[in-house]
Structure formats: structure tokens, C-alpha cells
Protein backbone atom coordinates (compact mmCIF):
# COMPACT_ATOMS: atom_id res chain seq x y z
CA UNK A 1 18.06 -15.81 -25.74
CA UNK A 2 18.86 -19.37 -24.69
CA UNK A 3 20.01 -18.10 -21.29
CA UNK A 4 16.73 -16.21 -20.79
CA UNK A 5 14.69 -19.28 -21.70
CA UNK A 6 16.75 -21.40 -19.32
CA UNK A 7 16.07 -18.96 -16.47
CA UNK A 8 12.33 -18.97 -17.21
CA UNK A 9 12.27 -22.77 -17.26
CA UNK A 10 14.22 -22.92 -13.98
CA UNK A 11 11.78 -20.55 -12.28
CA UNK A 12 8.83 -22.55 -13.56
CA UNK A 13 10.30 -25.81 -12.25
CA UNK A 14 11.10 -24.09 -8.96
CA UNK A 15 7.52 -22.89 -8.52
CA UNK A 16 6.13 -26.31 -9.47
CA UNK A 17 8.21 -28.15 -6.90
CA UNK A 18 7.42 -25.52 -4.25
CA UNK A 19 3.71 -26.15 -4.80
CA UNK A 20 4.26 -29.90 -4.70
CA UNK A 21 6.17 -29.61 -1.41
CA UNK A 22 3.12 -28.08 0.24
CA UNK A 23 0.83 -30.93 -0.61
CA UNK A 24 2.34 -33.55 -2.87
CA UNK A 25 -0.42 -36.09 -2.32
CA UNK A 26 -3.18 -34.22 -4.16
CA UNK A 27 -3.26 -35.26 -7.80
CA UNK A 28 -5.71 -32.46 -8.65
CA UNK A 29 -3.15 -29.78 -7.70
CA UNK A 30 -5.55 -28.33 -5.12
CA UNK A 31 -3.37 -27.18 -2.24
CA UNK A 32 -6.00 -25.74 0.09
CA UNK A 33 -9.72 -25.08 0.35
CA UNK A 34 -10.39 -22.31 2.86
CA UNK A 35 -13.54 -20.89 4.40
CA UNK A 36 -13.96 -17.13 3.97
CA UNK A 37 -16.02 -14.63 5.96
CA UNK A 38 -18.01 -11.72 4.56
CA UNK A 39 -19.11 -9.25 7.28
CA UNK A 40 -21.92 -7.82 5.15
CA UNK A 41 -23.44 -4.47 4.30
CA UNK A 42 -23.39 -3.23 7.90
CA UNK A 43 -19.58 -3.25 8.08
CA UNK A 44 -18.81 0.48 8.02
CA UNK A 45 -15.01 0.39 7.61
CA UNK A 46 -14.98 -1.01 4.11
CA UNK A 47 -12.47 0.16 1.49
CA UNK A 48 -14.91 1.94 -0.78
CA UNK A 49 -18.49 2.57 -1.73
CA UNK A 50 -20.74 -0.47 -1.90
CA UNK A 51 -22.51 -1.57 -5.05
CA UNK A 52 -26.29 -1.90 -4.94
CA UNK A 53 -25.80 -5.67 -5.26
CA UNK A 54 -23.26 -5.90 -2.43
CA UNK A 55 -24.91 -8.39 -0.03
CA UNK A 56 -28.30 -7.70 -1.61
CA UNK A 57 -28.68 -11.47 -1.41
CA UNK A 58 -27.56 -13.67 1.48
CA UNK A 59 -25.97 -16.10 -0.97
CA UNK A 60 -25.38 -14.61 -4.44
CA UNK A 61 -22.05 -12.73 -4.68
CA UNK A 62 -21.27 -13.66 -1.08
CA UNK A 63 -17.93 -15.40 -1.54
CA UNK A 64 -17.29 -17.78 1.34
CA UNK A 65 -14.88 -20.30 -0.18
CA UNK A 66 -11.32 -19.92 -1.47
CA UNK A 67 -9.45 -22.59 -3.43
CA UNK A 68 -5.66 -22.37 -3.84
CA UNK A 69 -4.07 -24.53 -6.54
CA UNK A 70 -0.74 -24.84 -8.28
CA UNK A 71 -0.77 -22.95 -11.57
CA UNK A 72 0.24 -24.18 -15.01
CA UNK A 73 1.39 -20.68 -15.92
CA UNK A 74 4.83 -20.38 -17.47
CA UNK A 75 5.33 -16.81 -16.26
CA UNK A 76 8.44 -16.23 -14.17
CA UNK A 77 8.32 -16.51 -10.41
CA UNK A 78 6.08 -18.50 -8.11
CA UNK A 79 2.57 -18.47 -9.58
CA UNK A 80 -0.52 -19.95 -7.94
CA UNK A 81 -4.17 -20.13 -8.93
CA UNK A 82 -6.81 -18.63 -6.61
CA UNK A 83 -10.52 -19.34 -7.11
CA UNK A 84 -13.17 -17.47 -5.09
CA UNK A 85 -16.57 -19.18 -4.93
CA UNK A 86 -19.87 -17.75 -3.71
CA UNK A 87 -22.72 -19.69 -2.08
CA UNK A 88 -24.50 -20.43 -5.38
CA UNK A 89 -21.44 -21.46 -7.39
CA UNK A 90 -20.23 -18.27 -9.10
CA UNK A 91 -16.44 -18.41 -9.44
CA UNK A 92 -13.83 -15.68 -9.82
CA UNK A 93 -10.59 -17.30 -11.05
CA UNK A 94 -7.25 -15.51 -10.64
CA UNK A 95 -4.69 -17.74 -12.30
CA UNK A 96 -0.95 -17.02 -12.51
CA UNK A 97 -1.06 -15.01 -9.29
CA UNK A 98 2.38 -13.61 -8.46
CA UNK A 99 2.54 -14.71 -4.82
CA UNK A 100 5.80 -12.81 -4.29
CA UNK A 101 3.80 -9.59 -4.29
CA UNK A 102 1.68 -10.84 -1.39
CA UNK A 103 4.55 -11.70 0.94
CA UNK A 104 6.74 -9.22 2.87
CA UNK A 105 10.23 -9.04 1.36
CA UNK A 106 12.67 -7.96 4.06
CA UNK A 107 15.70 -5.90 3.09
CA UNK A 108 17.29 -5.16 6.49
CA UNK A 109 19.48 -7.31 8.68
CA UNK A 110 20.25 -7.50 12.39
CA UNK A 111 18.18 -5.48 14.85
CA UNK A 112 16.75 -3.26 12.11
CA UNK A 113 14.65 -6.27 11.08
CA UNK A 114 12.28 -5.69 14.02
CA UNK A 115 10.97 -2.42 12.59
CA UNK A 116 10.86 -3.74 9.05
CA UNK A 117 8.86 -6.85 9.93
CA UNK A 118 6.39 -4.71 11.87
CA UNK A 119 6.09 -2.15 9.06
CA UNK A 120 5.48 -4.77 6.37
CA UNK A 121 3.72 -7.62 8.19
CA UNK A 122 1.18 -5.19 9.64
CA UNK A 123 0.77 -3.15 6.47
CA UNK A 124 -1.98 -3.64 3.90
CA UNK A 125 -0.67 -4.49 0.43
CA UNK A 126 -1.82 -6.60 -2.47
CA UNK A 127 -2.23 -7.12 -6.18
CA UNK A 128 -4.95 -6.23 -8.64
CA UNK A 129 -6.18 -8.26 -11.59
CA UNK A 130 -7.53 -6.10 -14.39
CA UNK A 131 -10.51 -7.36 -16.32
CA UNK A 132 -9.70 -5.27 -19.41
CA UNK A 133 -6.43 -7.21 -19.68
CA UNK A 134 -8.03 -10.62 -19.09
CA UNK A 135 -6.10 -11.19 -15.86
CA UNK A 136 -9.01 -13.04 -14.22
CA UNK A 137 -12.04 -14.96 -15.42
CA UNK A 138 -15.63 -15.32 -14.22
CA UNK A 139 -17.55 -18.60 -14.28
CA UNK A 140 -21.20 -17.83 -13.68
CA UNK A 141 -23.50 -20.22 -11.86
CA UNK A 142 -26.35 -21.84 -13.77
CA UNK A 143 -29.80 -20.21 -13.62
CA UNK A 144 -28.34 -16.98 -12.22
CA UNK A 145 -31.04 -14.27 -11.96
CA UNK A 146 -30.70 -11.72 -14.74
CA UNK A 147 -30.02 -8.76 -12.44
CA UNK A 148 -27.07 -10.57 -10.83
CA UNK A 149 -25.84 -11.72 -14.22
CA UNK A 150 -25.76 -8.07 -15.33
CA UNK A 151 -24.12 -7.03 -12.06
CA UNK A 152 -21.27 -9.48 -12.70
CA UNK A 153 -20.90 -8.02 -16.18
CA UNK A 154 -20.06 -4.69 -14.51
CA UNK A 155 -17.11 -6.23 -12.64
CA UNK A 156 -13.84 -4.81 -13.93
CA UNK A 157 -11.16 -5.58 -11.33
CA UNK A 158 -10.24 -8.08 -8.61
CA UNK A 159 -8.00 -7.32 -5.63
CA UNK A 160 -6.18 -9.94 -3.55
CA UNK A 161 -4.70 -8.29 -0.47
CA UNK A 162 -2.53 -9.23 2.49
CA UNK A 163 -4.47 -7.49 5.26
CA UNK A 164 -2.71 -5.28 7.83
CA UNK A 165 -4.67 -6.32 10.90
CA UNK A 166 -3.42 -9.86 11.38
CA UNK A 167 -0.70 -12.05 9.80
CA UNK A 168 -2.20 -14.68 7.45
CA UNK A 169 -5.43 -12.67 7.09
CA UNK A 170 -5.96 -11.97 3.40
CA UNK A 171 -8.92 -10.46 1.60
CA UNK A 172 -10.68 -10.68 -1.74
CA UNK A 173 -12.39 -7.67 -3.34
CA UNK A 174 -14.48 -7.64 -6.51
CA UNK A 175 -14.83 -4.12 -7.96
CA UNK A 176 -17.55 -2.95 -10.32
CA UNK A 177 -18.09 0.22 -12.32
CA UNK A 178 -21.41 2.00 -12.00
CA UNK A 179 -22.48 5.05 -14.00
CA UNK A 180 -26.16 5.04 -13.09
CA UNK A 181 -25.81 8.23 -11.06
CA UNK A 182 -23.04 9.86 -13.12
CA UNK A 183 -25.11 12.91 -14.16
CA UNK A 184 -26.01 13.62 -10.55
CA UNK A 185 -22.40 13.21 -9.42
CA UNK A 186 -21.09 15.37 -12.21
CA UNK A 187 -22.64 18.34 -10.42
CA UNK A 188 -20.85 17.45 -7.18
CA UNK A 189 -17.20 17.14 -6.15
CA UNK A 190 -17.38 13.34 -6.22
CA UNK A 191 -18.16 12.53 -9.84
CA UNK A 192 -14.67 11.16 -10.55
CA UNK A 193 -15.28 7.99 -8.57
CA UNK A 194 -17.64 5.49 -10.19
CA UNK A 195 -16.00 2.45 -8.61
CA UNK A 196 -18.13 0.26 -6.33
CA UNK A 197 -17.44 -2.83 -4.24
CA UNK A 198 -19.48 -5.75 -5.55
CA UNK A 199 -18.11 -8.32 -3.07
CA UNK A 200 -15.60 -8.39 -0.23
CA UNK A 201 -14.44 -11.36 1.87
CA UNK A 202 -11.68 -12.11 4.36
CA UNK A 203 -9.93 -15.44 4.88
CA UNK A 204 -6.95 -16.82 6.79
CA UNK A 205 -4.39 -18.72 4.77
CA UNK A 206 -2.97 -21.71 6.69
CA UNK A 207 -0.02 -20.74 8.87
CA UNK A 208 2.10 -23.62 7.55
CA UNK A 209 1.59 -22.38 3.99
CA UNK A 210 2.26 -18.76 4.96
CA UNK A 211 5.49 -19.62 6.79
CA UNK A 212 6.73 -21.59 3.77
CA UNK A 213 6.16 -18.52 1.61
CA UNK A 214 7.87 -16.22 4.10
CA UNK A 215 10.94 -18.44 4.27
CA UNK A 216 10.94 -18.96 0.52
CA UNK A 217 11.38 -15.23 -0.04
CA UNK A 218 13.31 -14.47 3.16
CA UNK A 219 15.66 -17.42 3.74
CA UNK A 220 18.06 -15.28 5.84
CA UNK A 221 15.43 -14.35 8.45
CA UNK A 222 15.04 -16.37 11.66
CA UNK A 223 11.59 -18.02 11.84
CA UNK A 224 11.18 -16.90 15.44
CA UNK A 225 11.03 -13.24 14.43
CA UNK A 226 7.81 -13.91 12.54
CA UNK A 227 6.27 -15.34 15.71
CA UNK A 228 6.67 -12.11 17.65
CA UNK A 229 3.50 -10.12 18.30
CA UNK A 230 2.96 -6.56 17.13
CA UNK A 231 3.67 -5.17 20.60
CA UNK A 232 6.79 -7.32 21.02
CA UNK A 233 8.16 -6.17 17.68
CA UNK A 234 7.40 -2.54 18.49
CA UNK A 235 9.12 -2.70 21.89
CA UNK A 236 12.28 -4.27 20.43
CA UNK A 237 12.36 -1.86 17.47
CA UNK A 238 12.10 1.20 19.70
CA UNK A 239 15.47 0.28 21.22
CA UNK A 240 17.21 0.31 17.81
CA UNK A 241 19.01 3.26 16.26
CA UNK A 242 18.36 3.48 12.53
CA UNK A 243 21.59 3.35 10.54
CA UNK A 244 20.70 5.13 7.30
CA UNK A 245 24.13 4.28 5.86
CA UNK A 246 22.88 0.69 5.52
CA UNK A 247 19.91 1.88 3.44
CA UNK A 248 21.56 4.25 0.96
CA UNK A 249 24.83 5.54 -0.41
CA UNK A 250 26.69 8.47 1.20
CA UNK A 251 24.89 11.81 1.31
CA UNK A 252 26.23 14.31 -1.20
CA UNK A 253 24.94 17.90 -1.32
CA UNK A 254 22.15 19.55 0.65
CA UNK A 255 19.99 21.52 -1.78
CA UNK A 256 19.53 25.24 -1.28
CA UNK A 257 15.74 25.18 -0.97
CA UNK A 258 13.24 27.98 -0.77
CA UNK A 259 10.51 27.01 1.67
CA UNK A 260 7.42 28.64 0.20
CA UNK A 261 4.85 27.36 2.68
CA UNK A 262 4.42 25.31 5.84
CA UNK A 263 0.74 24.39 6.08
CA UNK A 264 0.16 25.00 9.77
CA UNK A 265 1.96 28.34 9.60
CA UNK A 266 -0.07 29.58 6.63
CA UNK A 267 -3.27 28.00 8.04
CA UNK A 268 -4.04 26.44 4.68
CA UNK A 269 -7.46 24.80 4.54
CA UNK A 270 -7.38 20.99 4.42
CA UNK A 271 -8.89 19.39 1.35
CA UNK A 272 -9.13 15.74 0.33
CA UNK A 273 -6.09 14.99 -1.82
CA UNK A 274 -7.48 12.05 -3.72
CA UNK A 275 -11.10 12.05 -4.98
CA UNK A 276 -10.95 8.23 -4.97
CA UNK A 277 -10.99 8.37 -1.18
CA UNK A 278 -14.17 10.45 -1.01
CA UNK A 279 -16.03 7.46 0.40
CA UNK A 280 -14.19 7.98 3.69
CA UNK A 281 -16.01 11.28 4.02
CA UNK A 282 -19.32 9.52 3.44
CA UNK A 283 -18.52 7.09 6.26
CA UNK A 284 -17.56 9.95 8.59
CA UNK A 285 -13.96 8.82 8.51
CA UNK A 286 -12.36 12.05 7.34
CA UNK A 287 -13.44 15.31 8.95
CA UNK A 288 -16.59 16.57 10.60
CA UNK A 289 -18.93 18.49 8.32
CA UNK A 290 -19.58 21.12 10.99
CA UNK A 291 -15.93 22.14 11.30
CA UNK A 292 -13.59 23.82 8.85
CA UNK A 293 -10.22 22.30 9.61
CA UNK A 294 -6.97 23.78 8.44
CA UNK A 295 -3.42 22.53 8.95
CA UNK A 296 -3.14 24.65 12.11
CA UNK A 297 -6.44 23.84 13.81
CA UNK A 298 -6.17 20.10 13.22
CA UNK A 299 -3.00 20.09 15.34
CA UNK A 300 -4.75 21.80 18.25
CA UNK A 301 -6.85 18.81 19.26
CA UNK A 302 -6.94 15.04 19.36
CA UNK A 303 -8.17 13.07 16.38
CA UNK A 304 -10.70 10.32 17.17
CA UNK A 305 -9.23 7.85 14.73
CA UNK A 306 -9.95 4.15 14.58
CA UNK A 307 -7.10 1.97 15.81
CA UNK A 308 -6.99 -1.70 14.99
CA UNK A 309 -7.70 -3.87 17.99
CA UNK A 310 -7.52 -7.62 18.48
CA UNK A 311 -5.90 -7.82 15.02
CA UNK A 312 -9.35 -8.32 13.57
CA UNK A 313 -11.88 -6.05 11.93
CA UNK A 314 -12.20 -2.38 12.72
CA UNK A 315 -15.15 -1.60 14.95
CA UNK A 316 -16.86 1.74 15.51
CA UNK A 317 -16.73 1.40 19.29
CA UNK A 318 -12.96 0.92 19.17
CA UNK A 319 -12.27 4.58 18.44
CA UNK A 320 -9.65 6.22 20.63
CA UNK A 321 -7.74 9.44 20.03
CA UNK A 322 -4.40 9.96 18.39
CA UNK A 323 -2.32 12.98 19.27
CA UNK A 324 -0.49 14.60 16.37
CA UNK A 325 0.26 17.94 18.04
CA UNK A 326 3.99 17.20 17.80
CA UNK A 327 3.74 18.10 14.10
CA UNK A 328 3.39 21.76 15.16
CA UNK A 329 7.12 21.71 15.82
CA UNK A 330 7.96 20.32 12.37
CA UNK A 331 8.69 23.50 10.43
CA UNK A 332 11.74 22.76 8.28
CA UNK A 333 12.48 20.69 5.18
CA UNK A 334 15.93 19.50 4.17
CA UNK A 335 16.63 17.72 0.87
CA UNK A 336 20.03 16.14 0.22
CA UNK A 337 21.24 14.31 -2.87
CA UNK A 338 22.61 10.79 -2.49
CA UNK A 339 25.84 9.73 -4.16
CA UNK A 340 24.84 7.32 -6.91
CA UNK A 341 26.69 6.35 -10.06
CA UNK A 342 23.60 6.24 -12.26
CA UNK A 343 21.70 9.36 -11.12
CA UNK A 344 22.20 12.81 -9.62
CA UNK A 345 18.57 13.43 -8.72
CA UNK A 346 17.87 10.73 -6.12
CA UNK A 347 17.45 12.39 -2.75
CA UNK A 348 16.75 12.03 0.95
CA UNK A 349 14.02 14.28 2.36
CA UNK A 350 14.02 15.11 6.06
CA UNK A 351 11.11 16.84 7.81
CA UNK A 352 12.45 18.37 10.97
CA UNK A 353 12.43 21.46 13.20
CA UNK A 354 14.52 23.07 15.89
CA UNK A 355 12.08 22.04 18.63
CA UNK A 356 10.60 18.93 17.00
CA UNK A 357 11.00 15.74 19.06
CA UNK A 358 10.96 13.57 15.93
CA UNK A 359 12.09 13.61 12.30
CA UNK A 360 10.41 12.02 9.30
CA UNK A 361 13.04 10.72 6.90
CA UNK A 362 12.31 9.39 3.40
CA UNK A 363 15.15 8.43 1.12
CA UNK A 364 16.11 7.04 -2.28
CA UNK A 365 13.39 9.23 -3.75
CA UNK A 366 13.82 9.39 -7.52
CA UNK A 367 12.24 12.71 -8.46
CA UNK A 368 12.78 12.06 -12.18
CA UNK A 369 10.09 9.33 -12.29
CA UNK A 370 7.77 10.96 -9.79
CA UNK A 371 5.30 12.01 -12.47
CA UNK A 372 4.20 8.37 -12.84
CA UNK A 373 1.85 9.06 -9.95
CA UNK A 374 0.15 12.40 -9.37
CA UNK A 375 0.74 11.71 -5.69
CA UNK A 376 3.91 9.65 -5.26
CA UNK A 377 3.25 7.77 -2.02
CA UNK A 378 5.59 6.16 0.48
CA UNK A 379 4.63 3.87 3.35
CA UNK A 380 6.79 3.47 6.44
CA UNK A 381 9.47 0.80 6.18
CA UNK A 382 12.06 -0.19 3.57
CA UNK A 383 10.94 -0.71 -0.01
CA UNK A 384 7.44 -1.19 1.32
CA UNK A 385 4.82 -2.61 -0.99
CA UNK A 386 2.19 -0.25 -2.28
CA UNK A 387 -1.42 -0.78 -1.26
CA UNK A 388 -2.34 -2.12 -4.67
CA UNK A 389 0.08 -3.09 -7.42
CA UNK A 390 -0.54 -4.85 -10.70
CA UNK A 391 -0.25 -8.63 -10.80
CA UNK A 392 1.65 -8.25 -14.08
CA UNK A 393 3.41 -4.88 -14.08
CA UNK A 394 4.78 -3.15 -17.13
CA UNK A 395 8.49 -2.32 -16.87
CA UNK A 396 7.73 1.42 -16.96
CA UNK A 397 5.61 1.40 -13.81
CA UNK A 398 8.47 1.29 -11.32
CA UNK A 399 6.75 3.61 -8.85
CA UNK A 400 3.85 1.21 -8.60
CA UNK A 401 5.91 -1.89 -8.06
CA UNK A 402 8.65 -2.19 -5.41
CA UNK A 403 9.85 -5.46 -6.95
CA UNK A 404 11.29 -3.39 -9.81
CA UNK A 405 13.60 -1.21 -7.69
CA UNK A 406 17.29 -1.99 -7.90
CA UNK A 407 19.03 -2.94 -4.64
CA UNK A 408 21.05 0.26 -4.34
CA UNK A 409 18.04 2.58 -4.68
CA UNK A 410 15.22 0.99 -2.69
CA UNK A 411 13.20 3.71 -0.94
CA UNK A 412 12.77 3.93 2.84
CA UNK A 413 10.59 5.94 5.23
CA UNK A 414 11.17 6.20 8.98
CA UNK A 415 10.05 8.21 11.98
CA UNK A 416 13.03 8.64 14.31
CA UNK A 417 13.76 10.34 17.61
CA UNK A 418 15.63 13.52 16.75
CA UNK A 419 18.05 13.30 19.69
CA UNK A 420 18.86 9.59 19.73
CA UNK A 421 18.14 8.52 16.14
CA UNK A 422 16.13 5.57 17.50
CA UNK A 423 13.13 4.16 15.67
CA UNK A 424 9.71 5.52 16.68
CA UNK A 425 6.46 3.67 15.93
CA UNK A 426 4.76 5.99 13.44
CA UNK A 427 1.35 4.42 14.04
CA UNK A 428 1.49 5.32 17.72
CA UNK A 429 2.24 8.90 16.67
CA UNK A 430 -0.72 8.99 14.28
CA UNK A 431 1.02 9.17 10.88
CA UNK A 432 0.95 6.55 8.14
CA UNK A 433 1.88 7.85 4.70
CA UNK A 434 4.10 10.40 2.97
CA UNK A 435 3.19 12.01 -0.37
CA UNK A 436 5.48 13.94 -2.72
CA UNK A 437 4.14 15.64 -5.84
CA UNK A 438 5.08 18.31 -8.35
CA UNK A 439 3.10 21.52 -8.03
CA UNK A 440 2.99 22.15 -11.79
CA UNK A 441 4.63 21.14 -15.06
CA UNK A 442 7.66 23.38 -14.46
CA UNK A 443 8.92 20.77 -11.95
CA UNK A 444 10.40 23.57 -9.85
CA UNK A 445 8.15 23.23 -6.81
CA UNK A 446 7.25 20.09 -4.89
CA UNK A 447 4.43 19.60 -2.41
CA UNK A 448 4.93 17.33 0.59
CA UNK A 449 2.06 15.87 2.61
CA UNK A 450 2.04 13.71 5.73
CA UNK A 451 -1.15 11.71 6.18
CA UNK A 452 -2.77 10.46 9.36
CA UNK A 453 -3.07 6.85 10.37
CA UNK A 454 -6.13 4.95 9.05
CA UNK A 455 -8.37 7.87 8.08
CA UNK A 456 -5.98 9.19 5.48
CA UNK A 457 -6.34 12.82 6.57
CA UNK A 458 -3.52 15.15 5.46
CA UNK A 459 -2.26 16.58 8.75
CA UNK A 460 0.93 18.33 7.62
CA UNK A 461 2.06 19.92 4.37
CA UNK A 462 4.84 22.02 2.91
CA UNK A 463 5.77 23.44 -0.46
CA UNK A 464 9.40 24.02 -1.41
CA UNK A 465 11.14 25.38 -4.50
CA UNK A 466 14.08 23.40 -5.83
CA UNK A 467 17.27 25.21 -6.96
CA UNK A 468 17.56 25.94 -10.69
CA UNK A 469 20.63 23.78 -11.35
CA UNK A 470 18.97 20.77 -9.76
CA UNK A 471 15.76 21.33 -11.77
CA UNK A 472 17.80 21.30 -14.99
CA UNK A 473 19.35 17.94 -14.03
CA UNK A 474 15.88 16.69 -13.21
CA UNK A 475 14.51 17.69 -16.61
CA UNK A 476 17.37 15.94 -18.41
CA UNK A 477 16.86 12.78 -16.35
CA UNK A 478 13.12 12.77 -17.01
CA UNK A 479 13.67 12.98 -20.77
CA UNK A 480 15.85 9.87 -20.67
CA UNK A 481 13.13 7.66 -19.21
CA UNK A 482 9.83 9.37 -19.99
CA UNK A 483 9.06 7.90 -23.42
């Protein structure tokens, strides 16, 4: 007990002196005051449906100022206080923010760092503060009109996110819940999603501050690597052969799988996997209403997806096609167990094919805890941060929080050249995410989905049946950790 208290005190002192080192002349503990930008209601590539009060006013709930302060929190780790202020004085206060979850944590060494920096530095990830657990507070401005006062009462979550488009660009999102049209939605296929965006702003944290944080969590990484551009990192990474032996233990046994279905061979119709992403359909970001795509037809043509350009905001006129036809040649799934002293059900999954130019490889997948998410998602890179994790995670939510993975079982996801084993930029090939899920409660069949870049369209799928002896091991493992 004394040792645990000593560690907590040490971490608190460490975080305090880190904050002081940034700006030790400010007696108020304010480190930075930053201007934020809110693009407004016309910005079509937002991350969800907009609330009726989103930019209804030019000033109320338009958050254009961010204040970063040292925190008095005694929670472990480096904790800072973020305050978001709108033009009339409303404040959203996120104290005890775990800054570690907003900074890329690099696991690789040597030349494999190029791909990892690119995958994480240009990947969108962040933390959420839950109102029902009092993880943020709201200070309302005086004389606030009643309708805006009530709108703020509907706020239930705050998101603070490290944006993917540009290093140092972060964003603030205030989410509300709205049931005014629930009865109407209940009759449609969209009634599950009552979340709205009440406010959304972008801001650039000072480069000096950001570099201090990067070095604080990655002391072994050369500063110069962080100064390389996206294209420079991509070019260097494409010359590197991925050594999977540095990412996992030795491979053990290849499972005797039964491949039940390959989506483009069965011509399965494409459906939206996650109802929460229905808003993308409303924005025209998913699939055209006048076409019935299936997993075969979607690979017969180019996809007019939105690439990021100028490392800024997405723009409608910046659409240019991706080509994902190469996925036609991916028609085989191989699953191999990884030698590990504390589990027999952690595997590497390889999507491949006799004529496929590339392979998608995801490893250190713990199938025994996969039920924590209906869709267990992996982003490209090593131990990549999820899009949105809790600021204060419960110990049981390992799949939501990469900081809880042990060193010997951190997951990885790569696209590699099948012949050379060299790294391939997945974004240039139009794929961004990998989903694994159980088909039913028997845990005998798993579904695998590959999703497109940016528009989150499932463009490849397979269903495989696991061998009986492996399923029995899986059931035993799940019982150990599922209560």
C-alpha cells in the first residue's frame, strides 16, 4: 500500500514539474490560451448529425477560445485542465485530462518507426468525458437565453481529439442527446442514434508544447522524425520490410478453418455495420441511393472518396477516386495462434490470396475478450489508439484502451506487399479499418470486415468457422475474465 501511494505521489510531482517547465512564470497555472475555429453549419464533413442549436447563433455555443492549465488532480499520470469558452462566456471544463491518451505512443524502433509515426500522427484519436460520471463541468454565462440554457442541459459528453489531418491540430466536440423525433425515427432504420453535435471547434496546440509532450512519452525517438511530412514518412516507410517477429512471439499453429463465405464471391449485399454512422449516409458519404452495391460490384469501379488535402479540413471539391479493385484477389483467410505463456487464444489473422498483390495482417488479437465490442476494431499501426477512448477507463475495458495492453500482446495491423513483405500505405490503397466480430453466441464463427478509407464503407468481408478444439479453449478463457 505504501509503495502504491509513493508511486502515485511521484507521478503527481512529475506531472506538476512538467507543467511548470512549460511556463514556470505564470502564477495562475495557465499554460496557454489558444484561439479556436468553428467552421459552422455549412461544413458537410462533420462527425455526426448537428443539433438544432449547432451554430444557430453566431456567438452562443460557438467555442472560439481554449485555455490549458496545470491540474490539481491527484490521479496518476500527466493531467492537465482544458477549458473551452464560447463567445458569450459559457465554459466547458475538462479537468484531470489524461494527456497521455492524446499523444502518439510509439512502440517500434529503427526503420519501422517511419510507418508507425505516419499511422499514429495522421490518425484521429481522442478521449471522451462522460457527463453521467461528472468527468466535465459546465459554467453557464449570465443572462443566457432559456432555449440555450435548456440546450446545454441536453449535453451529455465532451470529446477532445487529436485530429488526423495535421499534427498539433486538435478538436473539441460537445455532444447532446435529442429525443424530439424519436417516435418518427423508431419507424425507420435510424432510430438507434439520438446523438447530436451541439458544438465543434478546431484549434492548434503550440508546437513547442506538442513536442514536449511527444518527447515526454517517446524519449527514445529522434526529434527530427516528427518533423518529416506525411509524404516523406510514406516514402521512407515503403522501403522498409515489416519484421513481424519484433511485434509478437513466435507463430505456433495454423488453425484448420472452414471458410464459409467471401463477400465478393457470394455477392452479399453491403449494409451499414454500425447504426451510429448513419449520418454518413445522410451526408452522401456512404453509398448512392440509386445503386444497390454488393461486395462484388463495389470492387468493379472506383470509389469517389474524400482524401485529406493540405492537412486541413475536408472539402467537397477535393474528392478524387480510390481504387480498391485489388481486394478482388483477396480470397483466403489464415489464422495462426501465437506462442504466449498466458494465453492459447491470441492469434494473427492474415487476409491473402494466391493472386493478391498485398496481404492484410492483424496480430495479437485476443479473441477471448472480443465480446467487449460488438465490432472489435483495429486501425493500421502498432497498438494504435482507438478513435474515442474514455478519459478514465475501467480496468475491464481493455479493448477500448490501448494503454492497458501488456507489452508482449500489443495488437498490430499492416498492409504489406505479398512478394517483398515491405510496408504499403493503406490509405493510398483505400482501406482504413479492420473489424472482427462473433457471428452469434456460440463463438464458433467470426466475421471479418475491411472498411474503406474515410467513408467507412465495408468493402470486403469473410466469415470463417473456427475448429472445435480452439473454440473450447476460447470458451474457457472467456469465463476466466468475463465477470
